[in-house]
Amino acid sequence: MKFIKRWGLMHNTYAENVQEHSLRVAQIAHALALIRNRKFGGKVSPERVAVLALYHDAGEVLTGDLPSPIKYFNPEIQKAYRDIEASAALRLVAMVPKELAEDYRRVLVPDSSDAEHKEIVKAADKLCAYIKCLEEMAAGNMEFTKAEQALESSVRSIDLPEVRYFLEVFIPSFRLTLDELG
């Protein structure tokens, strides 16, 4: 995962790979799960959410990272890419020893019982893309302006109270310099 670069169609002030991205998604997804449980009466497992997030893009070791403008160009491409991702996840499960296969299947190919957990991971994934844009723009990289605008609109439209809370409480700190954090 550390060899798969993200944001391949854009100039980056700092490179981001899928492994780093997955860790960040896991951290934010864990925070969203905690917020859901503590502030909004949820009953999700923050640990389960974090593990699903750690592996949410694992299939990209077989497929690479397809840039979003291509992945979402039209419904046919989007469906085909979902099928490719599902196939890659199953191939990964087939690569692990039999005695571990079911454990990894539950992480790489979660079922409908994980719908709430997957919803949080998806929201965290979008938040991470938005944060990447904020960081790039703070570093003076205006190439991320349109992506930042689109992703801000996208994350603000997520109908989850924990996401609104995260946007209100935590996102402002991503706009600060290290000196301003202190």
Protein backbone atom coordinates (compact mmCIF):
# COMPACT_ATOMS: atom_id res chain seq x y z
CA MET A 1 0.00 0.00 0.00
CA LYS A 2 2.92 2.32 0.61
CA PHE A 3 3.85 2.18 -3.09
CA ILE A 4 0.42 3.24 -4.40
CA LYS A 5 0.36 7.03 -4.76
CA ARG A 6 -2.84 9.02 -4.42
CA TRP A 7 -3.89 12.19 -6.27
CA GLY A 8 -2.04 11.06 -9.39
CA LEU A 9 -3.56 13.70 -11.67
CA MET A 10 -2.58 16.65 -9.48
CA HIS A 11 0.62 18.33 -8.35
CA ASN A 12 1.11 17.64 -4.63
CA THR A 13 3.27 19.62 -2.21
CA TYR A 14 3.64 16.37 -0.30
CA ALA A 15 3.02 12.91 -1.66
CA GLU A 16 0.37 10.75 -0.07
CA ASN A 17 0.27 6.98 -0.45
CA VAL A 18 -2.59 4.58 0.22
CA GLN A 19 -1.02 3.28 3.43
CA GLU A 20 -0.78 6.78 4.94
CA HIS A 21 -4.26 7.60 3.70
CA SER A 22 -5.70 4.43 5.24
CA LEU A 23 -4.19 5.25 8.64
CA ARG A 24 -5.68 8.73 8.54
CA VAL A 25 -9.07 7.37 7.49
CA ALA A 26 -8.91 4.88 10.39
CA GLN A 27 -8.09 7.65 12.87
CA ILE A 28 -10.90 9.89 11.67
CA ALA A 29 -13.38 7.02 11.37
CA HIS A 30 -12.54 6.01 14.94
CA ALA A 31 -13.17 9.60 16.06
CA LEU A 32 -16.48 9.71 14.17
CA ALA A 33 -17.58 6.46 15.83
CA LEU A 34 -16.70 7.83 19.26
CA ILE A 35 -18.57 11.05 18.49
CA ARG A 36 -21.61 9.07 17.31
CA ASN A 37 -21.62 7.00 20.50
CA ARG A 38 -20.84 9.74 23.04
CA LYS A 39 -22.73 12.68 21.55
CA PHE A 40 -25.54 11.13 19.53
CA GLY A 41 -26.48 7.87 21.29
CA GLY A 42 -24.90 5.52 18.77
CA LYS A 43 -23.90 1.95 19.45
CA VAL A 44 -21.18 1.30 16.87
CA SER A 45 -17.82 -0.30 17.57
CA PRO A 46 -15.05 2.31 17.16
CA GLU A 47 -12.54 -0.55 16.98
CA ARG A 48 -14.45 -2.30 14.18
CA VAL A 49 -14.76 0.99 12.30
CA ALA A 50 -11.01 1.60 12.63
CA VAL A 51 -10.11 -1.88 11.35
CA LEU A 52 -12.48 -1.60 8.38
CA ALA A 53 -10.95 1.78 7.59
CA LEU A 54 -7.39 0.42 7.78
CA TYR A 55 -8.28 -2.06 5.03
CA HIS A 56 -10.82 -0.02 3.05
CA ASP A 57 -8.43 0.55 0.11
CA ALA A 58 -6.34 -2.63 0.46
CA GLY A 59 -7.52 -3.87 -2.92
CA GLU A 60 -5.62 -1.02 -4.52
CA VAL A 61 -2.43 -3.06 -4.14
CA LEU A 62 -3.90 -5.06 -7.05
CA THR A 63 -5.81 -2.32 -8.89
CA GLY A 64 -3.85 0.86 -8.20
CA ASP A 65 -5.59 4.09 -7.26
CA LEU A 66 -7.92 5.22 -10.00
CA PRO A 67 -8.35 9.01 -9.85
CA SER A 68 -11.87 10.13 -8.90
CA PRO A 69 -12.57 12.05 -12.14
CA ILE A 70 -12.09 8.77 -14.00
CA LYS A 71 -13.71 6.51 -11.40
CA TYR A 72 -16.88 8.64 -11.29
CA PHE A 73 -16.90 9.74 -14.95
CA ASN A 74 -20.14 7.87 -15.65
CA PRO A 75 -22.28 5.16 -14.02
CA GLU A 76 -20.89 2.36 -16.21
CA ILE A 77 -17.29 3.11 -15.24
CA GLN A 78 -18.30 3.50 -11.59
CA LYS A 79 -20.05 0.10 -11.58
CA ALA A 80 -17.17 -1.57 -13.42
CA TYR A 81 -14.68 -0.16 -10.92
CA ARG A 82 -16.82 -1.36 -7.97
CA ASP A 83 -16.78 -4.83 -9.54
CA ILE A 84 -13.00 -4.65 -9.96
CA GLU A 85 -12.61 -3.55 -6.31
CA ALA A 86 -14.81 -6.45 -5.13
CA SER A 87 -12.81 -8.91 -7.21
CA ALA A 88 -9.52 -7.53 -5.84
CA ALA A 89 -10.79 -7.91 -2.26
CA LEU A 90 -11.70 -11.55 -2.91
CA ARG A 91 -8.29 -12.15 -4.48
CA LEU A 92 -6.62 -10.75 -1.37
CA VAL A 93 -8.69 -13.05 0.86
CA ALA A 94 -7.61 -15.99 -1.31
CA MET A 95 -3.95 -15.08 -0.74
CA VAL A 96 -3.97 -15.50 3.04
CA PRO A 97 -3.62 -18.88 4.80
CA LYS A 98 -6.90 -20.79 5.10
CA GLU A 99 -6.96 -20.52 8.89
CA LEU A 100 -7.02 -16.69 8.59
CA ALA A 101 -9.16 -16.34 5.46
CA GLU A 102 -12.50 -15.89 7.23
CA ASP A 103 -11.06 -13.21 9.52
CA TYR A 104 -9.71 -11.27 6.55
CA ARG A 105 -12.88 -11.82 4.53
CA ARG A 106 -14.87 -10.09 7.29
CA VAL A 107 -12.53 -7.09 6.97
CA LEU A 108 -11.95 -6.98 3.22
CA VAL A 109 -15.48 -7.98 2.19
CA PRO A 110 -17.74 -6.74 5.02
CA ASP A 111 -21.38 -7.74 4.76
CA SER A 112 -24.62 -5.87 5.40
CA SER A 113 -24.24 -6.31 9.18
CA ASP A 114 -21.45 -3.71 8.91
CA ALA A 115 -23.59 -1.11 7.12
CA GLU A 116 -23.31 1.46 9.94
CA HIS A 117 -19.58 0.91 10.24
CA LYS A 118 -19.07 1.22 6.47
CA GLU A 119 -21.12 4.44 6.45
CA ILE A 120 -18.70 5.96 8.95
CA VAL A 121 -15.65 4.76 7.01
CA LYS A 122 -17.04 6.28 3.82
CA ALA A 123 -17.61 9.61 5.60
CA ALA A 124 -14.08 9.51 7.05
CA ASP A 125 -12.68 8.78 3.59
CA LYS A 126 -14.40 11.90 2.20
CA LEU A 127 -13.25 13.98 5.16
CA CYS A 128 -9.67 12.85 4.54
CA ALA A 129 -9.84 13.95 0.91
CA TYR A 130 -11.20 17.31 2.04
CA ILE A 131 -8.44 17.66 4.64
CA LYS A 132 -5.80 16.84 2.01
CA CYS A 133 -7.17 19.71 -0.08
CA LEU A 134 -7.09 22.09 2.90
CA GLU A 135 -3.48 21.14 3.64
CA GLU A 136 -2.40 21.53 0.02
CA MET A 137 -4.04 24.95 -0.20
CA ALA A 138 -2.47 26.02 3.10
CA ALA A 139 0.89 25.11 1.54
CA GLY A 140 0.10 27.45 -1.35
CA ASN A 141 -0.93 24.77 -3.85
CA MET A 142 -3.91 26.36 -5.56
CA GLU A 143 -4.29 23.34 -7.86
CA PHE A 144 -6.53 21.89 -5.13
CA THR A 145 -8.98 24.83 -5.15
CA LYS A 146 -11.72 23.19 -7.22
CA ALA A 147 -11.31 19.85 -5.46
CA GLU A 148 -11.55 21.62 -2.08
CA GLN A 149 -14.76 23.37 -3.11
CA ALA A 150 -16.33 20.18 -4.42
CA LEU A 151 -15.27 18.14 -1.40
CA GLU A 152 -16.41 20.78 1.08
CA SER A 153 -19.86 20.68 -0.53
CA SER A 154 -19.75 16.88 -0.51
CA VAL A 155 -18.81 16.51 3.18
CA ARG A 156 -21.29 19.17 4.26
CA SER A 157 -24.04 17.19 2.50
CA ILE A 158 -23.30 14.01 4.49
CA ASP A 159 -26.36 13.58 6.70
CA LEU A 160 -24.59 12.33 9.81
CA PRO A 161 -24.52 14.39 13.02
CA GLU A 162 -21.01 13.16 13.87
CA VAL A 163 -19.73 14.55 10.56
CA ARG A 164 -21.33 17.95 11.23
CA TYR A 165 -19.74 17.89 14.69
CA PHE A 166 -16.33 16.97 13.24
CA LEU A 167 -16.60 19.77 10.67
CA GLU A 168 -17.48 22.30 13.36
CA VAL A 169 -15.04 21.19 16.07
CA PHE A 170 -12.02 19.70 14.30
CA ILE A 171 -11.78 21.00 10.74
CA PRO A 172 -10.81 24.55 11.76
CA SER A 173 -7.59 23.17 13.30
CA PHE A 174 -6.54 21.75 9.92
CA ARG A 175 -6.34 25.32 8.64
CA LEU A 176 -3.85 26.35 11.35
CA THR A 177 -0.07 26.42 11.21
CA LEU A 178 1.96 24.50 13.78
CA ASP A 179 2.64 27.76 15.65
CA GLU A 180 -1.07 28.56 15.73
CA LEU A 181 -1.90 25.16 17.21
CA GLY A 182 0.17 25.88 20.33
